[in-house]
Amino acid sequence: MKDKNISKLLILLLLFINCSEKEIIAQDKDIDLQLRDEVIIENPVFKVWYSEVKEQPIKLIYTSTNRVKNVDRGSMNFRTESDIHTSNNADYYRNVWDKGHLAPAATYSDSMVNLKQTFSFLNCALQNQYLNRGEWRLLEEQERVWDDVQNLTITVELIWEDGFQILPTGGHIPTHMSKHIYFEKGDTCKTFIFPNEKPNLGWEEYEVKCN
């Protein structure tokens, strides 16, 4: 009789432990789903303010200096981060959106370590392919001309105006992208604002008053 009672107690105890473990797992999943509006991350290449909710960087700062190119990107692709909820390859599958670098890969091709830092989804925006491969790219090339003379501090910001699109995969597509370039020697600046669409002007014509 005593043995039967002991067996029943053991069964109840095991059931209690199992239920408790399930509750803990459920709580952990709830924590995972609590996406952050803004996370700030800094590494040797850039500093970024990232929105897990939008799955996009909000703002990113990098420095453009006269670095000598030593490495090539080859077939390198963007990587996700283990502790931050970012966009991923699904957001860019068979659509018009490119994986647009904010801190350019070409600017940080002086070492493989620096180049790999640029291939994080923290440094990646849902950018119209014609903008990314067109006037945005040409402005990046101009930055590398300017930085032959002086260092540049560059701030890129993503803008979401009313009516912006959210992909079924969760990525929030910015309506505009701005670039603020500070020239170290001359203590001057330039600001450009691009609609996130196929450009119909040259990059110079997207310049606005520098505040």
C-alpha atoms as a PDB file:
ATOM      1  CA  MET A   1       0.000   0.000   0.000  1.00  0.00           C
ATOM      2  CA  LYS A   2       2.790   2.355   0.942  1.00  0.00           C
ATOM      3  CA  ASP A   3       4.603   1.501  -2.309  1.00  0.00           C
ATOM      4  CA  LYS A   4       1.491   2.428  -4.346  1.00  0.00           C
ATOM      5  CA  ASN A   5       1.218   5.780  -2.565  1.00  0.00           C
ATOM      6  CA  ILE A   6       4.887   6.500  -3.153  1.00  0.00           C
ATOM      7  CA  SER A   7       4.475   5.669  -6.852  1.00  0.00           C
ATOM      8  CA  LYS A   8       1.505   8.033  -7.136  1.00  0.00           C
ATOM      9  CA  LEU A   9       3.483  10.814  -5.456  1.00  0.00           C
ATOM     10  CA  LEU A  10       6.397  10.287  -7.845  1.00  0.00           C
ATOM     11  CA  ILE A  11       4.072  10.453 -10.870  1.00  0.00           C
ATOM     12  CA  LEU A  12       2.480  13.681  -9.601  1.00  0.00           C
ATOM     13  CA  LEU A  13       5.908  15.176  -8.964  1.00  0.00           C
ATOM     14  CA  LEU A  14       7.080  14.337 -12.487  1.00  0.00           C
ATOM     15  CA  LEU A  15       3.920  15.846 -13.982  1.00  0.00           C
ATOM     16  CA  PHE A  16       4.455  19.036 -11.974  1.00  0.00           C
ATOM     17  CA  ILE A  17       8.082  19.351 -13.117  1.00  0.00           C
ATOM     18  CA  ASN A  18       7.114  18.748 -16.748  1.00  0.00           C
ATOM     19  CA  CYS A  19       4.371  21.409 -16.617  1.00  0.00           C
ATOM     20  CA  SER A  20       6.767  23.888 -15.014  1.00  0.00           C
ATOM     21  CA  GLU A  21       9.341  23.321 -17.750  1.00  0.00           C
ATOM     22  CA  LYS A  22       6.685  23.921 -20.442  1.00  0.00           C
ATOM     23  CA  GLU A  23       5.667  27.176 -18.770  1.00  0.00           C
ATOM     24  CA  ILE A  24       9.295  28.336 -18.700  1.00  0.00           C
ATOM     25  CA  ILE A  25       9.739  27.483 -22.398  1.00  0.00           C
ATOM     26  CA  ALA A  26       6.529  29.348 -23.261  1.00  0.00           C
ATOM     27  CA  GLN A  27       7.730  32.384 -21.311  1.00  0.00           C
ATOM     28  CA  ASP A  28      11.052  32.302 -23.167  1.00  0.00           C
ATOM     29  CA  LYS A  29       9.202  32.250 -26.503  1.00  0.00           C
ATOM     30  CA  ASP A  30       7.154  35.253 -25.416  1.00  0.00           C
ATOM     31  CA  ILE A  31      10.381  37.100 -24.609  1.00  0.00           C
ATOM     32  CA  ASP A  32      11.750  36.247 -28.080  1.00  0.00           C
ATOM     33  CA  LEU A  33       8.634  37.782 -29.647  1.00  0.00           C
ATOM     34  CA  GLN A  34       9.104  41.099 -27.824  1.00  0.00           C
ATOM     35  CA  LEU A  35      10.921  42.877 -30.625  1.00  0.00           C
ATOM     36  CA  ARG A  36      12.780  46.083 -29.823  1.00  0.00           C
ATOM     37  CA  ASP A  37      12.121  49.418 -31.533  1.00  0.00           C
ATOM     38  CA  GLU A  38      15.791  50.311 -31.323  1.00  0.00           C
ATOM     39  CA  VAL A  39      19.017  48.467 -30.586  1.00  0.00           C
ATOM     40  CA  ILE A  40      22.384  50.244 -30.772  1.00  0.00           C
ATOM     41  CA  ILE A  41      25.383  48.239 -31.947  1.00  0.00           C
ATOM     42  CA  GLU A  42      28.908  49.460 -32.617  1.00  0.00           C
ATOM     43  CA  ASN A  43      31.795  47.608 -34.247  1.00  0.00           C
ATOM     44  CA  PRO A  44      35.101  48.740 -35.830  1.00  0.00           C
ATOM     45  CA  VAL A  45      33.354  49.573 -39.126  1.00  0.00           C
ATOM     46  CA  PHE A  46      30.040  51.224 -38.208  1.00  0.00           C
ATOM     47  CA  LYS A  47      27.626  52.253 -35.468  1.00  0.00           C
ATOM     48  CA  VAL A  48      23.998  51.371 -36.130  1.00  0.00           C
ATOM     49  CA  TRP A  49      20.616  52.054 -34.568  1.00  0.00           C
ATOM     50  CA  TYR A  50      18.566  49.003 -35.583  1.00  0.00           C
ATOM     51  CA  SER A  51      14.810  48.359 -35.390  1.00  0.00           C
ATOM     52  CA  GLU A  52      13.884  44.738 -34.794  1.00  0.00           C
ATOM     53  CA  VAL A  53      10.257  45.736 -35.348  1.00  0.00           C
ATOM     54  CA  LYS A  54      10.951  47.130 -38.825  1.00  0.00           C
ATOM     55  CA  GLU A  55      13.727  44.600 -39.501  1.00  0.00           C
ATOM     56  CA  GLN A  56      15.762  47.520 -40.832  1.00  0.00           C
ATOM     57  CA  PRO A  57      18.505  49.890 -39.689  1.00  0.00           C
ATOM     58  CA  ILE A  58      17.166  53.277 -38.634  1.00  0.00           C
ATOM     59  CA  LYS A  59      20.487  55.116 -38.736  1.00  0.00           C
ATOM     60  CA  LEU A  60      24.086  54.106 -39.388  1.00  0.00           C
ATOM     61  CA  ILE A  61      27.351  56.046 -39.138  1.00  0.00           C
ATOM     62  CA  TYR A  62      30.632  55.123 -40.804  1.00  0.00           C
ATOM     63  CA  THR A  63      33.907  56.846 -41.711  1.00  0.00           C
ATOM     64  CA  SER A  64      35.218  56.968 -45.259  1.00  0.00           C
ATOM     65  CA  THR A  65      39.011  57.258 -45.405  1.00  0.00           C
ATOM     66  CA  ASN A  66      41.632  56.653 -48.087  1.00  0.00           C
ATOM     67  CA  ARG A  67      41.896  52.884 -47.588  1.00  0.00           C
ATOM     68  CA  VAL A  68      43.850  50.796 -50.076  1.00  0.00           C
ATOM     69  CA  LYS A  69      41.867  47.944 -51.612  1.00  0.00           C
ATOM     70  CA  ASN A  70      43.417  44.592 -50.695  1.00  0.00           C
ATOM     71  CA  VAL A  71      40.546  42.083 -50.893  1.00  0.00           C
ATOM     72  CA  ASP A  72      37.526  41.264 -53.071  1.00  0.00           C
ATOM     73  CA  ARG A  73      34.009  40.412 -51.950  1.00  0.00           C
ATOM     74  CA  GLY A  74      33.719  37.411 -54.276  1.00  0.00           C
ATOM     75  CA  SER A  75      30.474  35.546 -53.561  1.00  0.00           C
ATOM     76  CA  MET A  76      30.196  36.849 -49.989  1.00  0.00           C
ATOM     77  CA  ASN A  77      26.585  37.159 -48.803  1.00  0.00           C
ATOM     78  CA  PHE A  78      24.887  38.875 -45.884  1.00  0.00           C
ATOM     79  CA  ARG A  79      24.632  37.050 -42.553  1.00  0.00           C
ATOM     80  CA  THR A  80      22.067  37.295 -39.770  1.00  0.00           C
ATOM     81  CA  GLU A  81      23.011  37.984 -36.147  1.00  0.00           C
ATOM     82  CA  SER A  82      22.368  35.463 -33.370  1.00  0.00           C
ATOM     83  CA  ASP A  83      21.181  37.964 -30.751  1.00  0.00           C
ATOM     84  CA  ILE A  84      19.333  40.513 -32.916  1.00  0.00           C
ATOM     85  CA  HIS A  85      16.200  40.008 -35.007  1.00  0.00           C
ATOM     86  CA  THR A  86      17.039  41.346 -38.476  1.00  0.00           C
ATOM     87  CA  SER A  87      15.794  40.951 -42.006  1.00  0.00           C
ATOM     88  CA  ASN A  88      17.012  37.891 -43.907  1.00  0.00           C
ATOM     89  CA  ASN A  89      17.208  36.456 -47.413  1.00  0.00           C
ATOM     90  CA  ALA A  90      13.435  35.859 -47.544  1.00  0.00           C
ATOM     91  CA  ASP A  91      12.794  39.635 -47.593  1.00  0.00           C
ATOM     92  CA  TYR A  92      14.768  39.961 -50.831  1.00  0.00           C
ATOM     93  CA  TYR A  93      13.516  36.925 -52.712  1.00  0.00           C
ATOM     94  CA  ARG A  94      12.294  37.565 -56.269  1.00  0.00           C
ATOM     95  CA  ASN A  95      11.409  41.210 -55.864  1.00  0.00           C
ATOM     96  CA  VAL A  96      12.756  44.647 -56.777  1.00  0.00           C
ATOM     97  CA  TRP A  97      14.539  45.119 -53.446  1.00  0.00           C
ATOM     98  CA  ASP A  98      18.322  44.840 -53.274  1.00  0.00           C
ATOM     99  CA  LYS A  99      20.358  44.113 -50.166  1.00  0.00           C
ATOM    100  CA  GLY A 100      21.641  47.667 -50.062  1.00  0.00           C
ATOM    101  CA  HIS A 101      24.832  48.276 -48.090  1.00  0.00           C
ATOM    102  CA  LEU A 102      24.778  51.368 -45.896  1.00  0.00           C
ATOM    103  CA  ALA A 103      28.498  51.258 -45.054  1.00  0.00           C
ATOM    104  CA  PRO A 104      29.819  50.297 -48.523  1.00  0.00           C
ATOM    105  CA  ALA A 105      31.744  47.070 -49.024  1.00  0.00           C
ATOM    106  CA  ALA A 106      34.139  48.807 -51.432  1.00  0.00           C
ATOM    107  CA  THR A 107      35.035  51.405 -48.797  1.00  0.00           C
ATOM    108  CA  TYR A 108      36.099  48.640 -46.397  1.00  0.00           C
ATOM    109  CA  SER A 109      37.941  46.358 -48.808  1.00  0.00           C
ATOM    110  CA  ASP A 110      41.266  47.081 -47.120  1.00  0.00           C
ATOM    111  CA  SER A 111      41.015  43.858 -45.094  1.00  0.00           C
ATOM    112  CA  MET A 112      38.879  40.732 -45.038  1.00  0.00           C
ATOM    113  CA  VAL A 113      37.932  41.468 -41.412  1.00  0.00           C
ATOM    114  CA  ASN A 114      36.512  44.880 -42.319  1.00  0.00           C
ATOM    115  CA  LEU A 115      34.852  43.617 -45.483  1.00  0.00           C
ATOM    116  CA  LYS A 116      33.037  40.849 -43.605  1.00  0.00           C
ATOM    117  CA  GLN A 117      31.709  43.386 -41.084  1.00  0.00           C
ATOM    118  CA  THR A 118      29.844  45.139 -43.894  1.00  0.00           C
ATOM    119  CA  PHE A 119      28.036  41.912 -44.836  1.00  0.00           C
ATOM    120  CA  SER A 120      25.805  41.877 -41.769  1.00  0.00           C
ATOM    121  CA  PHE A 121      22.056  42.383 -42.114  1.00  0.00           C
ATOM    122  CA  LEU A 122      22.596  45.158 -39.558  1.00  0.00           C
ATOM    123  CA  ASN A 123      24.192  47.051 -42.456  1.00  0.00           C
ATOM    124  CA  CYS A 124      21.560  46.124 -45.021  1.00  0.00           C
ATOM    125  CA  ALA A 125      18.489  48.025 -46.243  1.00  0.00           C
ATOM    126  CA  LEU A 126      15.560  47.110 -48.466  1.00  0.00           C
ATOM    127  CA  GLN A 127      16.706  49.361 -51.306  1.00  0.00           C
ATOM    128  CA  ASN A 128      15.235  49.684 -54.768  1.00  0.00           C
ATOM    129  CA  GLN A 129      17.590  47.832 -57.103  1.00  0.00           C
ATOM    130  CA  TYR A 130      17.816  50.725 -59.573  1.00  0.00           C
ATOM    131  CA  LEU A 131      18.724  53.166 -56.811  1.00  0.00           C
ATOM    132  CA  ASN A 132      21.246  50.785 -55.241  1.00  0.00           C
ATOM    133  CA  ARG A 133      22.980  50.016 -58.531  1.00  0.00           C
ATOM    134  CA  GLY A 134      22.597  53.541 -59.899  1.00  0.00           C
ATOM    135  CA  GLU A 135      22.826  56.955 -58.257  1.00  0.00           C
ATOM    136  CA  TRP A 136      23.425  55.612 -54.711  1.00  0.00           C
ATOM    137  CA  ARG A 137      26.413  53.601 -55.992  1.00  0.00           C
ATOM    138  CA  LEU A 138      27.733  56.594 -57.920  1.00  0.00           C
ATOM    139  CA  LEU A 139      27.570  58.765 -54.803  1.00  0.00           C
ATOM    140  CA  GLU A 140      29.527  56.094 -52.899  1.00  0.00           C
ATOM    141  CA  GLU A 141      32.166  56.228 -55.633  1.00  0.00           C
ATOM    142  CA  GLN A 142      32.309  60.010 -55.253  1.00  0.00           C
ATOM    143  CA  GLU A 143      32.841  59.606 -51.507  1.00  0.00           C
ATOM    144  CA  ARG A 144      35.952  57.555 -52.274  1.00  0.00           C
ATOM    145  CA  VAL A 145      37.198  60.431 -54.451  1.00  0.00           C
ATOM    146  CA  TRP A 146      36.570  62.972 -51.704  1.00  0.00           C
ATOM    147  CA  ASP A 147      38.231  60.834 -49.027  1.00  0.00           C
ATOM    148  CA  ASP A 148      41.519  60.935 -50.982  1.00  0.00           C
ATOM    149  CA  VAL A 149      41.827  64.473 -49.651  1.00  0.00           C
ATOM    150  CA  GLN A 150      40.130  64.291 -46.255  1.00  0.00           C
ATOM    151  CA  ASN A 151      38.273  61.892 -43.993  1.00  0.00           C
ATOM    152  CA  LEU A 152      34.474  61.837 -44.197  1.00  0.00           C
ATOM    153  CA  THR A 153      31.977  60.983 -41.470  1.00  0.00           C
ATOM    154  CA  ILE A 154      28.825  59.711 -43.114  1.00  0.00           C
ATOM    155  CA  THR A 155      25.403  59.220 -41.554  1.00  0.00           C
ATOM    156  CA  VAL A 156      22.752  57.251 -43.426  1.00  0.00           C
ATOM    157  CA  GLU A 157      19.142  57.412 -42.238  1.00  0.00           C
ATOM    158  CA  LEU A 158      16.113  55.463 -43.415  1.00  0.00           C
ATOM    159  CA  ILE A 159      12.779  57.273 -43.574  1.00  0.00           C
ATOM    160  CA  TRP A 160       9.291  55.771 -43.438  1.00  0.00           C
ATOM    161  CA  GLU A 161       6.572  58.164 -44.562  1.00  0.00           C
ATOM    162  CA  ASP A 162       2.853  57.395 -44.328  1.00  0.00           C
ATOM    163  CA  GLY A 163       1.791  54.545 -46.585  1.00  0.00           C
ATOM    164  CA  PHE A 164       5.094  52.659 -46.509  1.00  0.00           C
ATOM    165  CA  GLN A 165       4.949  48.998 -47.499  1.00  0.00           C
ATOM    166  CA  ILE A 166       5.451  46.026 -45.165  1.00  0.00           C
ATOM    167  CA  LEU A 167       6.482  42.791 -46.848  1.00  0.00           C
ATOM    168  CA  PRO A 168       4.706  39.520 -45.944  1.00  0.00           C
ATOM    169  CA  THR A 169       8.080  38.426 -44.540  1.00  0.00           C
ATOM    170  CA  GLY A 170       8.082  41.345 -42.072  1.00  0.00           C
ATOM    171  CA  GLY A 171      10.515  43.818 -43.610  1.00  0.00           C
ATOM    172  CA  HIS A 172       9.385  47.470 -43.531  1.00  0.00           C
ATOM    173  CA  ILE A 173      10.383  49.167 -46.791  1.00  0.00           C
ATOM    174  CA  PRO A 174      11.695  52.716 -46.306  1.00  0.00           C
ATOM    175  CA  THR A 175      10.167  55.386 -48.514  1.00  0.00           C
ATOM    176  CA  HIS A 176      13.359  57.475 -48.576  1.00  0.00           C
ATOM    177  CA  MET A 177      17.045  57.182 -47.695  1.00  0.00           C
ATOM    178  CA  SER A 178      19.195  60.128 -46.670  1.00  0.00           C
ATOM    179  CA  LYS A 179      22.950  60.527 -46.548  1.00  0.00           C
ATOM    180  CA  HIS A 180      24.709  63.260 -44.567  1.00  0.00           C
ATOM    181  CA  ILE A 181      28.414  63.687 -45.368  1.00  0.00           C
ATOM    182  CA  TYR A 182      30.667  65.669 -43.042  1.00  0.00           C
ATOM    183  CA  PHE A 183      34.028  66.844 -44.440  1.00  0.00           C
ATOM    184  CA  GLU A 184      36.594  66.806 -41.656  1.00  0.00           C
ATOM    185  CA  LYS A 185      39.090  69.391 -42.941  1.00  0.00           C
ATOM    186  CA  GLY A 186      36.745  71.987 -44.295  1.00  0.00           C
ATOM    187  CA  ASP A 187      34.172  71.613 -41.491  1.00  0.00           C
ATOM    188  CA  THR A 188      31.504  71.503 -44.190  1.00  0.00           C
ATOM    189  CA  CYS A 189      28.783  69.052 -45.111  1.00  0.00           C
ATOM    190  CA  LYS A 190      26.511  67.781 -47.843  1.00  0.00           C
ATOM    191  CA  THR A 191      23.110  66.105 -47.475  1.00  0.00           C
ATOM    192  CA  PHE A 192      21.284  63.995 -50.048  1.00  0.00           C
ATOM    193  CA  ILE A 193      17.762  62.555 -49.847  1.00  0.00           C
ATOM    194  CA  PHE A 194      16.737  59.829 -52.298  1.00  0.00           C
ATOM    195  CA  PRO A 195      13.236  58.410 -52.766  1.00  0.00           C
ATOM    196  CA  ASN A 196      13.525  54.631 -52.501  1.00  0.00           C
ATOM    197  CA  GLU A 197      12.587  54.101 -56.137  1.00  0.00           C
ATOM    198  CA  LYS A 198      14.157  54.130 -59.587  1.00  0.00           C
ATOM    199  CA  PRO A 199      15.998  57.472 -59.880  1.00  0.00           C
ATOM    200  CA  ASN A 200      15.151  59.880 -62.678  1.00  0.00           C
ATOM    201  CA  LEU A 201      17.885  62.416 -61.787  1.00  0.00           C
ATOM    202  CA  GLY A 202      21.623  62.354 -61.278  1.00  0.00           C
ATOM    203  CA  TRP A 203      22.863  61.959 -57.683  1.00  0.00           C
ATOM    204  CA  GLU A 204      23.948  65.616 -57.534  1.00  0.00           C
ATOM    205  CA  GLU A 205      20.338  66.711 -58.008  1.00  0.00           C
ATOM    206  CA  TYR A 206      19.194  64.931 -54.839  1.00  0.00           C
ATOM    207  CA  GLU A 207      21.254  67.264 -52.673  1.00  0.00           C
ATOM    208  CA  VAL A 208      19.322  69.359 -50.162  1.00  0.00           C
ATOM    209  CA  LYS A 209      20.348  72.113 -47.757  1.00  0.00           C
ATOM    210  CA  CYS A 210      22.811  70.771 -45.217  1.00  0.00           C
ATOM    211  CA  ASN A 211      21.573  71.395 -41.678  1.00  0.00           C
END
